[in-house]
Each structure stands twice: as C-alpha cells, then as structure tokens.
C-alpha cells in the first residue's frame, strides 16, 4: 500500500503565528439562509494570512464547534442544523479558549484502513482480497476495495460481506453488471461468472482531522473474458467521514475513466453501479424495512423508482438500525433509479435502468453519494434535511471584525 498521511490541522496550528492581544481580531462567518431545513452541512472557506488560526468556531449562543484548517488555509466546520430561512453566524476567535474535539482518525491495519470518530469505529476499507470471513469462498469471488463493516454511533454493524445468498456482495461497493467492451460482455458484478472483476490497486492518500478524515484509493475494472485480461476502467474512490455526533456520516466520490481508447458500454439493466448490502439478519421479505425520499415503504413498489435517497433498516439487538444512501443531484440521470430487491437486504443506485449509455474515453464518470448510518428507525424529515445539507449549496460570507 502506498500511503501518505497529510496533517490537516495540527501542523497548521502549530506553525501559525498569532498577533499579540493588543492586535487581536476575530473572523465572522455568516451562512446564508435556504428555503428548506438542512443538517450536517460542511462549511468551507479560505483563511488568508494574518487571520486567526483557531481550532473552533463559536455560534451565537457561545457553543463551540470544531474547526479544521488545511495546509492551504482552507477552513472547515460542520453546521449540525439550520432551519429554513435561518441565517447563522459564527466567530473564529484567537483567544485560545476553543478546544478541538476528538475527531476522525484514519489508521492502517493489517488488511484494512480503519476509520474512527472519537475512538469509536465508523467503517473499514478492505484492502486484502485474501482476508476471507470463511473458508468455503471460491477464488473467483475474492474481492477488495469496498467498505465493511459499517457502524452506527452505538457501534452496531449495519452491513454484510460475502453473504451466502450472494457471495459477490460487499458492504458498499461499485461494480457494473451488464456491459460491452471491445466486442465482449464482461460482468464486473457477478464475479462467479469469471468474465470480469474489480481489483484494489493502492491507497494514495489518507488524512485525519477534527472535522473530517478519509482516504483516496485506486481500483481497476478488469475484463477477464478477453484472451488476456484487459483493464477497461480505472476507478478512484475519495471517501470522507465527518465529525457528526448523532450518526455516522460519510461521503463517497467515485471517478471512473476509460483505461483504453475504447468506451465501456452500459446497456439498459436493472441493477449495477453503487450498491449497499445490509446485515445478514435482514435477509427475507419481511426482515428489512425500506423508506424512500418519496415516502414509499413497499419494497416492491419502490423498486426501479427514481429517488433522492433510500433508507434500509432492520431489527438489531436493542431495537432498530439502518443506513441511508443519498444521491447527489449532479449525478448522471439524477435522481437515479434504484434497484430495491424484493427479498434481500440490498439496494443499488443504477443509472443504467434509464437506458443504454457509455463511459467514453476522455470523459470521466463521476458520482457522489452520502451515507448515514444511525441507530433507530428512519425519520423522513431528518433524512430530507440531511440530503439538503449534502446537495444544496449555501452562501458563506467571511469578514474580519474587531
């Protein structure tokens, strides 16, 4: 694994030169209103030379939110809640009273990257295809380059890996199913057919911080149906986890580019793309619960419908837990159609349901998703606010104040 850890906060603060008390100043950050409620918004803005470098921002009530400053001076914090029509103001002060909370830490283990928040697990990114959960898994199904286990804020696991019903399912993963490439038809989803696979290559960057941490990794889509295996796509995952207390919130930005001068054709098909597999106990027609952004709870009716987000949940010891997948409005064919399985605990955001299309050479396919893993049943209003905080831009005004 090639990995470079880039300090996001500590080194910048340690190197900052603060003015004396006589010349002290503050920076006021104003977050403009929207006509909808928003939750878990990431606010970013540039800090120029001479502006205070602190580790927190104060809201109007004096509460302190963690602040993270990158080496290039970009500052970031998370607004937990903003009501419709509300304008919010925050102050960065250099008085030294702000303290950084325990944040997101990314660390390398033997077979995986482990992402934690405040010392508690968020998810693992699996890097070793030979690290199998049981010995009966055939070599064709070996896979790395996906997220599992995925935890809620209490530590409950909501994902599954190598389930016996579909051994090729893995937590959160992103293969295409029905494709055409150089006159062949590799299937990168159903790996047992041995026509295609997705291979983990390397982790190129990891970072940790008070507000967010994550990693960048590379995968390749390999056509095994050719006389000699051919890489059809290069894929980059950028995964970012956030310091949110009442859930586990993280983003995936995936970028796919053609590895040759030939496009990857994607005929109309009912599944393939971004997938999430829920925990094993939720297998069965009556074991998993679904809720879509349109309010649909019938999994059969929800299947193949377009939606901004979908929530998959089920019973766990002590109650209910689940995970929501939120699709960004800039995604291809957004809001994307979703495969909701009639009996298995999985969903797949599948733009190919909308008709034939291609990933063309020189034209990257980029898709953005946010994931929210949380204890308890889904709250539609809360999930709408989380989608708004992810998908709707905001105006940010930064000014120096005495």
Protein backbone atom coordinates (compact mmCIF):
# COMPACT_ATOMS: atom_id res chain seq x y z
CA UNK A 1 0.00 0.00 0.00
CA UNK A 2 1.36 3.39 -0.98
CA UNK A 3 0.00 5.82 1.61
CA UNK A 4 0.92 9.35 2.54
CA UNK A 5 -0.60 10.88 5.65
CA UNK A 6 -1.09 14.62 5.28
CA UNK A 7 -1.58 16.53 8.55
CA UNK A 8 -4.68 18.63 8.14
CA UNK A 9 -4.93 20.51 11.41
CA UNK A 10 -2.17 20.06 13.96
CA UNK A 11 0.80 21.16 11.88
CA UNK A 12 -1.01 24.22 10.59
CA UNK A 13 -2.00 25.37 14.06
CA UNK A 14 1.45 24.65 15.47
CA UNK A 15 3.08 26.73 12.74
CA UNK A 16 0.66 29.65 12.94
CA UNK A 17 1.91 32.97 14.24
CA UNK A 18 -0.70 34.73 16.37
CA UNK A 19 -0.81 38.51 16.87
CA UNK A 20 -0.49 39.92 20.35
CA UNK A 21 -3.57 40.60 22.45
CA UNK A 22 -3.33 44.30 21.54
CA UNK A 23 -3.88 43.48 17.87
CA UNK A 24 -6.29 40.59 18.39
CA UNK A 25 -9.13 40.24 15.94
CA UNK A 26 -11.81 37.73 15.03
CA UNK A 27 -13.32 36.40 11.85
CA UNK A 28 -17.07 36.27 11.45
CA UNK A 29 -18.53 33.58 9.19
CA UNK A 30 -22.11 34.05 8.00
CA UNK A 31 -24.01 31.14 6.50
CA UNK A 32 -26.86 32.36 4.31
CA UNK A 33 -30.41 31.04 4.51
CA UNK A 34 -32.18 28.43 2.42
CA UNK A 35 -35.88 27.73 1.99
CA UNK A 36 -35.53 24.22 3.48
CA UNK A 37 -34.11 22.70 6.65
CA UNK A 38 -30.52 21.48 6.32
CA UNK A 39 -28.49 19.14 8.52
CA UNK A 40 -24.80 18.22 8.77
CA UNK A 41 -23.65 20.88 6.32
CA UNK A 42 -19.93 21.05 5.65
CA UNK A 43 -18.95 24.73 5.53
CA UNK A 44 -15.62 25.55 3.91
CA UNK A 45 -13.91 28.89 3.29
CA UNK A 46 -10.38 30.25 2.81
CA UNK A 47 -8.42 31.87 5.64
CA UNK A 48 -5.84 34.33 4.42
CA UNK A 49 -2.50 35.19 6.04
CA UNK A 50 -2.89 37.15 9.24
CA UNK A 51 -6.35 35.86 10.06
CA UNK A 52 -6.71 33.90 13.32
CA UNK A 53 -5.93 30.20 13.29
CA UNK A 54 -8.05 28.59 16.00
CA UNK A 55 -9.45 25.12 16.50
CA UNK A 56 -13.09 26.05 16.91
CA UNK A 57 -15.88 28.43 15.93
CA UNK A 58 -18.45 29.92 18.30
CA UNK A 59 -22.12 30.12 17.43
CA UNK A 60 -24.42 32.91 18.64
CA UNK A 61 -25.07 31.04 21.90
CA UNK A 62 -21.37 30.58 22.67
CA UNK A 63 -21.25 26.88 21.82
CA UNK A 64 -18.02 25.81 20.14
CA UNK A 65 -17.88 23.65 17.02
CA UNK A 66 -14.61 22.00 15.90
CA UNK A 67 -12.71 23.78 13.12
CA UNK A 68 -10.21 22.13 10.79
CA UNK A 69 -7.67 24.11 8.79
CA UNK A 70 -5.84 22.51 5.90
CA UNK A 71 -2.28 23.31 4.88
CA UNK A 72 -3.55 25.56 2.08
CA UNK A 73 -5.56 27.66 4.56
CA UNK A 74 -8.97 26.16 3.77
CA UNK A 75 -11.06 26.08 6.94
CA UNK A 76 -13.95 23.69 7.53
CA UNK A 77 -16.61 23.08 10.14
CA UNK A 78 -19.97 21.33 10.27
CA UNK A 79 -23.28 23.03 11.00
CA UNK A 80 -25.45 20.44 12.76
CA UNK A 81 -28.82 22.04 11.94
CA UNK A 82 -30.03 25.08 10.01
CA UNK A 83 -33.74 25.78 9.87
CA UNK A 84 -35.44 27.04 6.74
CA UNK A 85 -34.98 30.78 6.36
CA UNK A 86 -32.40 30.97 9.17
CA UNK A 87 -29.14 32.91 8.80
CA UNK A 88 -26.34 31.65 11.02
CA UNK A 89 -23.26 33.50 12.25
CA UNK A 90 -20.09 32.04 13.76
CA UNK A 91 -16.93 33.60 15.09
CA UNK A 92 -13.36 32.36 14.88
CA UNK A 93 -11.52 33.85 17.79
CA UNK A 94 -7.83 33.70 18.62
CA UNK A 95 -8.39 33.97 22.36
CA UNK A 96 -7.31 30.38 22.87
CA UNK A 97 -10.50 29.23 24.58
CA UNK A 98 -11.63 26.95 21.77
CA UNK A 99 -10.53 23.33 22.04
CA UNK A 100 -10.56 20.72 19.32
CA UNK A 101 -12.84 17.74 19.89
CA UNK A 102 -11.72 14.20 19.25
CA UNK A 103 -12.08 13.90 15.54
CA UNK A 104 -11.86 11.48 12.64
CA UNK A 105 -8.78 9.25 12.59
CA UNK A 106 -7.73 7.06 9.66
CA UNK A 107 -5.21 4.33 10.51
CA UNK A 108 -3.78 1.38 8.63
CA UNK A 109 -4.25 -2.16 9.98
CA UNK A 110 -3.05 -5.44 8.50
CA UNK A 111 -5.81 -5.88 5.92
CA UNK A 112 -7.79 -2.62 6.04
CA UNK A 113 -7.91 1.08 6.69
CA UNK A 114 -9.83 1.74 9.89
CA UNK A 115 -11.79 4.95 10.25
CA UNK A 116 -12.84 6.03 13.73
CA UNK A 117 -14.60 9.00 15.29
CA UNK A 118 -13.69 9.86 18.86
CA UNK A 119 -12.02 6.47 19.13
CA UNK A 120 -15.15 4.56 18.04
CA UNK A 121 -15.44 2.71 14.69
CA UNK A 122 -17.09 4.24 11.65
CA UNK A 123 -16.11 1.76 8.90
CA UNK A 124 -13.24 -0.29 7.49
CA UNK A 125 -11.98 -0.10 3.92
CA UNK A 126 -10.94 -3.61 2.88
CA UNK A 127 -7.61 -3.88 1.02
CA UNK A 128 -6.72 -7.60 1.14
CA UNK A 129 -8.82 -9.91 -1.05
CA UNK A 130 -7.34 -12.95 0.71
CA UNK A 131 -8.75 -11.90 4.11
CA UNK A 132 -11.90 -14.02 3.88
CA UNK A 133 -14.60 -14.47 6.55
CA UNK A 134 -14.93 -18.24 5.95
CA UNK A 135 -13.00 -20.93 4.06
CA UNK A 136 -15.69 -22.01 1.55
CA UNK A 137 -15.41 -18.89 -0.64
CA UNK A 138 -14.19 -19.73 -4.15
CA UNK A 139 -11.20 -17.82 -5.55
CA UNK A 140 -13.30 -16.13 -8.26
CA UNK A 141 -15.22 -14.26 -5.56
CA UNK A 142 -12.21 -12.78 -3.77
CA UNK A 143 -12.58 -9.02 -3.61
CA UNK A 144 -11.05 -5.93 -2.01
CA UNK A 145 -11.71 -2.21 -2.41
CA UNK A 146 -15.01 -1.79 -0.50
CA UNK A 147 -16.40 -0.59 2.85
CA UNK A 148 -17.28 -3.10 5.57
CA UNK A 149 -18.08 -3.30 8.44
CA UNK A 150 -20.10 -0.08 8.67
CA UNK A 151 -21.13 1.03 12.16
CA UNK A 152 -23.78 3.25 13.69
CA UNK A 153 -22.95 5.68 16.50
CA UNK A 154 -23.57 2.92 19.08
CA UNK A 155 -21.21 0.54 17.27
CA UNK A 156 -23.93 -1.61 15.69
CA UNK A 157 -22.89 -3.08 12.33
CA UNK A 158 -25.39 -2.45 9.51
CA UNK A 159 -23.54 -4.01 6.54
CA UNK A 160 -22.74 -7.56 5.41
CA UNK A 161 -19.84 -9.11 3.48
CA UNK A 162 -19.74 -12.27 1.31
CA UNK A 163 -23.36 -13.20 2.23
CA UNK A 164 -24.16 -16.82 1.43
CA UNK A 165 -27.09 -15.81 -0.83
CA UNK A 166 -24.92 -13.53 -2.98
CA UNK A 167 -21.25 -14.07 -2.23
CA UNK A 168 -20.29 -11.22 -4.57
CA UNK A 169 -21.99 -8.57 -2.37
CA UNK A 170 -19.75 -6.45 -0.14
CA UNK A 171 -20.95 -3.69 2.21
CA UNK A 172 -20.66 -0.62 -0.03
CA UNK A 173 -19.16 -1.39 -3.43
CA UNK A 174 -19.46 -0.11 -7.04
CA UNK A 175 -19.28 -2.64 -9.93
CA UNK A 176 -21.19 -2.55 -13.23
CA UNK A 177 -23.18 -5.61 -14.30
CA UNK A 178 -24.25 -5.71 -17.95
CA UNK A 179 -21.55 -4.11 -20.11
CA UNK A 180 -19.98 -4.20 -23.57
CA UNK A 181 -16.27 -3.69 -24.16
CA UNK A 182 -14.21 -4.34 -27.30
CA UNK A 183 -16.93 -6.66 -28.61
CA UNK A 184 -17.16 -8.67 -25.37
CA UNK A 185 -19.61 -8.58 -22.45
CA UNK A 186 -17.69 -8.58 -19.16
CA UNK A 187 -19.76 -8.62 -15.96
CA UNK A 188 -17.93 -6.91 -13.09
CA UNK A 189 -20.73 -7.53 -10.56
CA UNK A 190 -21.32 -11.29 -10.84
CA UNK A 191 -17.71 -12.31 -10.30
CA UNK A 192 -18.56 -16.01 -10.13
CA UNK A 193 -19.11 -15.96 -13.90
CA UNK A 194 -15.40 -15.13 -14.29
CA UNK A 195 -15.91 -12.59 -17.07
CA UNK A 196 -14.95 -9.54 -15.04
CA UNK A 197 -13.64 -8.40 -11.68
CA UNK A 198 -12.69 -5.22 -9.81
CA UNK A 199 -9.24 -5.16 -8.24
CA UNK A 200 -7.87 -2.96 -5.48
CA UNK A 201 -4.65 -1.22 -6.54
CA UNK A 202 -3.49 1.16 -3.82
CA UNK A 203 -4.30 3.83 -1.29
CA UNK A 204 -2.69 7.05 -2.42
CA UNK A 205 -3.62 9.43 0.39
CA UNK A 206 -5.06 9.36 3.90
CA UNK A 207 -5.80 12.20 6.29
CA UNK A 208 -7.27 12.73 9.76
CA UNK A 209 -8.72 15.79 11.44
CA UNK A 210 -11.06 17.34 13.98
CA UNK A 211 -13.85 17.79 11.42
CA UNK A 212 -13.20 15.20 8.72
CA UNK A 213 -10.81 12.46 7.67
CA UNK A 214 -10.63 9.97 4.86
CA UNK A 215 -8.65 8.45 2.05
CA UNK A 216 -8.20 8.21 -1.70
CA UNK A 217 -7.85 4.75 -3.31
CA UNK A 218 -7.49 3.32 -6.80
CA UNK A 219 -9.28 0.30 -8.33
CA UNK A 220 -9.32 -1.23 -11.81
CA UNK A 221 -12.14 -2.97 -13.70
CA UNK A 222 -10.59 -5.99 -15.43
CA UNK A 223 -12.21 -7.73 -18.39
CA UNK A 224 -11.48 -11.43 -17.83
CA UNK A 225 -13.38 -12.53 -20.94
CA UNK A 226 -10.55 -11.34 -23.23
CA UNK A 227 -7.87 -13.82 -24.40
CA UNK A 228 -5.62 -11.95 -21.95
CA UNK A 229 -7.16 -9.86 -19.14
CA UNK A 230 -7.63 -6.22 -20.13
CA UNK A 231 -8.27 -3.27 -17.82
CA UNK A 232 -11.39 -1.49 -19.07
CA UNK A 233 -11.75 1.22 -16.40
CA UNK A 234 -9.63 2.93 -13.78
CA UNK A 235 -11.60 3.97 -10.71
CA UNK A 236 -10.72 6.39 -7.92
CA UNK A 237 -12.59 6.47 -4.62
CA UNK A 238 -12.42 9.51 -2.37
CA UNK A 239 -14.09 8.69 0.94
CA UNK A 240 -14.59 11.34 3.64
CA UNK A 241 -16.02 10.73 7.12
CA UNK A 242 -17.34 13.62 9.22
CA UNK A 243 -17.45 14.51 12.89
CA UNK A 244 -21.22 14.18 13.40
CA UNK A 245 -22.33 13.01 16.84
CA UNK A 246 -25.82 11.55 16.28
CA UNK A 247 -24.99 9.34 13.27
CA UNK A 248 -22.09 8.11 11.18
CA UNK A 249 -21.97 10.35 8.10
CA UNK A 250 -19.54 9.85 5.24
CA UNK A 251 -19.23 10.65 1.54
CA UNK A 252 -18.02 8.71 -1.47
CA UNK A 253 -16.94 10.44 -4.67
CA UNK A 254 -16.16 7.83 -7.31
CA UNK A 255 -14.48 8.68 -10.60
CA UNK A 256 -14.20 6.18 -13.45
CA UNK A 257 -12.13 6.74 -16.60
CA UNK A 258 -11.55 4.53 -19.61
CA UNK A 259 -8.27 2.65 -19.49
CA UNK A 260 -8.09 2.27 -23.29
CA UNK A 261 -9.31 4.17 -26.33
CA UNK A 262 -12.50 2.08 -26.25
CA UNK A 263 -15.64 3.06 -24.33
CA UNK A 264 -17.37 0.89 -21.77
CA UNK A 265 -20.91 0.35 -22.99
CA UNK A 266 -23.65 0.11 -20.38
CA UNK A 267 -26.89 -1.28 -21.85
CA UNK A 268 -30.18 -0.85 -20.02
CA UNK A 269 -30.18 -3.16 -16.99
CA UNK A 270 -31.98 -3.36 -13.66
CA UNK A 271 -29.01 -3.42 -11.28
CA UNK A 272 -25.36 -2.49 -11.10
CA UNK A 273 -23.49 0.65 -10.07
CA UNK A 274 -23.38 1.80 -6.44
CA UNK A 275 -24.54 -0.96 -4.09
CA UNK A 276 -25.19 -1.38 -0.36
CA UNK A 277 -25.69 -4.77 1.31
CA UNK A 278 -27.43 -4.73 4.71
CA UNK A 279 -26.64 -7.06 7.58
CA UNK A 280 -27.38 -10.77 7.28
CA UNK A 281 -30.25 -10.91 9.77
CA UNK A 282 -32.26 -8.69 7.46
CA UNK A 283 -32.50 -11.34 4.72
CA UNK A 284 -36.10 -12.24 3.85
CA UNK A 285 -39.19 -10.49 2.52
CA UNK A 286 -40.31 -9.31 5.95
CA UNK A 287 -36.93 -8.76 7.62
CA UNK A 288 -35.76 -5.48 6.06
CA UNK A 289 -37.57 -2.15 6.04
CA UNK A 290 -37.27 0.45 3.29
CA UNK A 291 -38.13 4.14 3.09
CA UNK A 292 -37.57 6.32 0.02
CA UNK A 293 -37.36 10.09 -0.34
CA UNK A 294 -40.81 9.93 -1.93
CA UNK A 295 -42.25 8.23 1.17
CA UNK A 296 -42.57 4.72 -0.32
CA UNK A 297 -42.20 1.86 2.17
CA UNK A 298 -43.30 -1.03 -0.06
CA UNK A 299 -40.08 -2.54 -1.39
CA UNK A 300 -41.76 -3.96 -4.49
CA UNK A 301 -43.31 -0.61 -5.42
CA UNK A 302 -40.07 1.22 -4.63
CA UNK A 303 -38.02 -0.94 -6.99
CA UNK A 304 -36.86 0.88 -10.16
CA UNK A 305 -38.25 4.21 -8.99
CA UNK A 306 -36.11 7.34 -9.05
CA UNK A 307 -35.28 8.78 -5.65
CA UNK A 308 -33.02 11.28 -3.93
CA UNK A 309 -32.35 8.87 -1.07
CA UNK A 310 -33.28 5.44 0.22
CA UNK A 311 -33.08 4.07 3.76
CA UNK A 312 -32.60 0.36 4.53
CA UNK A 313 -33.06 -0.83 8.12
CA UNK A 314 -33.94 -3.80 10.27
CA UNK A 315 -34.09 -5.21 13.76
CA UNK A 316 -30.92 -5.39 15.84
CA UNK A 317 -30.30 -6.23 19.45
CA UNK A 318 -31.86 -3.44 21.45
CA UNK A 319 -34.02 -2.00 18.67
CA UNK A 320 -33.57 -0.85 15.07
CA UNK A 321 -30.66 0.41 13.00
CA UNK A 322 -30.08 1.24 9.36
CA UNK A 323 -28.27 3.14 6.66
CA UNK A 324 -29.43 5.75 4.18
CA UNK A 325 -27.84 6.28 0.77
CA UNK A 326 -28.18 9.85 -0.53
CA UNK A 327 -27.58 10.57 -4.21
CA UNK A 328 -26.23 13.96 -5.32
CA UNK A 329 -28.29 16.00 -7.81
CA UNK A 330 -25.23 16.42 -10.06
CA UNK A 331 -25.03 12.67 -10.65
CA UNK A 332 -25.76 11.29 -14.11
CA UNK A 333 -29.52 10.85 -14.56
CA UNK A 334 -30.24 12.22 -11.08
CA UNK A 335 -32.40 11.45 -9.29
CA UNK A 336 -31.17 8.00 -10.20
CA UNK A 337 -33.38 4.90 -10.36
CA UNK A 338 -32.73 2.39 -7.61
CA UNK A 339 -32.83 -1.39 -7.51
CA UNK A 340 -34.68 -2.43 -4.34
CA UNK A 341 -34.55 -6.21 -4.00
CA UNK A 342 -37.85 -7.96 -3.13
CA UNK A 343 -36.35 -10.32 -0.54
CA UNK A 344 -32.69 -9.44 0.07
CA UNK A 345 -31.35 -6.51 2.11
CA UNK A 346 -29.68 -4.54 -0.63
CA UNK A 347 -30.15 -1.51 -2.83
CA UNK A 348 -28.28 -0.29 -5.90
CA UNK A 349 -28.29 3.18 -7.43
CA UNK A 350 -28.45 2.15 -11.09
CA UNK A 351 -28.40 4.81 -13.83
CA UNK A 352 -28.46 2.01 -16.43
CA UNK A 353 -32.14 1.49 -15.63
CA UNK A 354 -32.70 4.69 -17.58
CA UNK A 355 -31.43 3.25 -20.87
CA UNK A 356 -28.25 2.50 -22.81
CA UNK A 357 -25.24 4.76 -22.25
CA UNK A 358 -21.44 4.70 -22.32
CA UNK A 359 -18.42 5.82 -20.36
CA UNK A 360 -16.39 7.45 -23.11
CA UNK A 361 -12.58 7.87 -23.34
CA UNK A 362 -11.54 11.26 -22.02
CA UNK A 363 -14.90 11.84 -20.28
CA UNK A 364 -14.77 10.68 -16.66
CA UNK A 365 -17.88 9.33 -15.00
CA UNK A 366 -18.20 10.99 -11.57
CA UNK A 367 -20.82 10.10 -8.97
CA UNK A 368 -21.27 11.41 -5.44
CA UNK A 369 -23.11 9.74 -2.57
CA UNK A 370 -23.53 10.41 1.14
CA UNK A 371 -24.19 7.64 3.65
CA UNK A 372 -25.86 8.00 7.04
CA UNK A 373 -25.67 5.02 9.41
CA UNK A 374 -27.69 5.50 12.58
CA UNK A 375 -29.49 3.79 15.41
CA UNK A 376 -33.27 3.87 15.50
CA UNK A 377 -35.98 3.93 12.83
CA UNK A 378 -35.73 6.35 9.90
CA UNK A 379 -37.04 9.90 10.24
CA UNK A 380 -38.12 11.17 6.83
CA UNK A 381 -37.88 14.87 7.78
CA UNK A 382 -34.42 14.34 9.22
CA UNK A 383 -33.26 12.45 6.13
CA UNK A 384 -34.63 15.21 3.90
CA UNK A 385 -32.66 17.75 5.93
CA UNK A 386 -29.53 15.62 5.63
CA UNK A 387 -30.00 15.41 1.86
CA UNK A 388 -30.49 19.19 1.71
CA UNK A 389 -27.30 19.68 3.69
CA UNK A 390 -25.44 17.44 1.25
CA UNK A 391 -26.97 18.53 -2.04
CA UNK A 392 -27.94 22.20 -1.76
CA UNK A 393 -25.18 24.78 -1.88
CA UNK A 394 -25.06 27.71 0.52
CA UNK A 395 -23.62 31.20 0.58
CA UNK A 396 -20.77 31.81 3.01
CA UNK A 397 -19.55 35.33 3.88
CA UNK A 398 -16.25 35.76 5.74
CA UNK A 399 -15.24 39.10 7.27
CA UNK A 400 -12.82 40.42 9.87
CA UNK A 401 -14.34 42.01 12.96
CA UNK A 402 -12.67 43.93 15.81
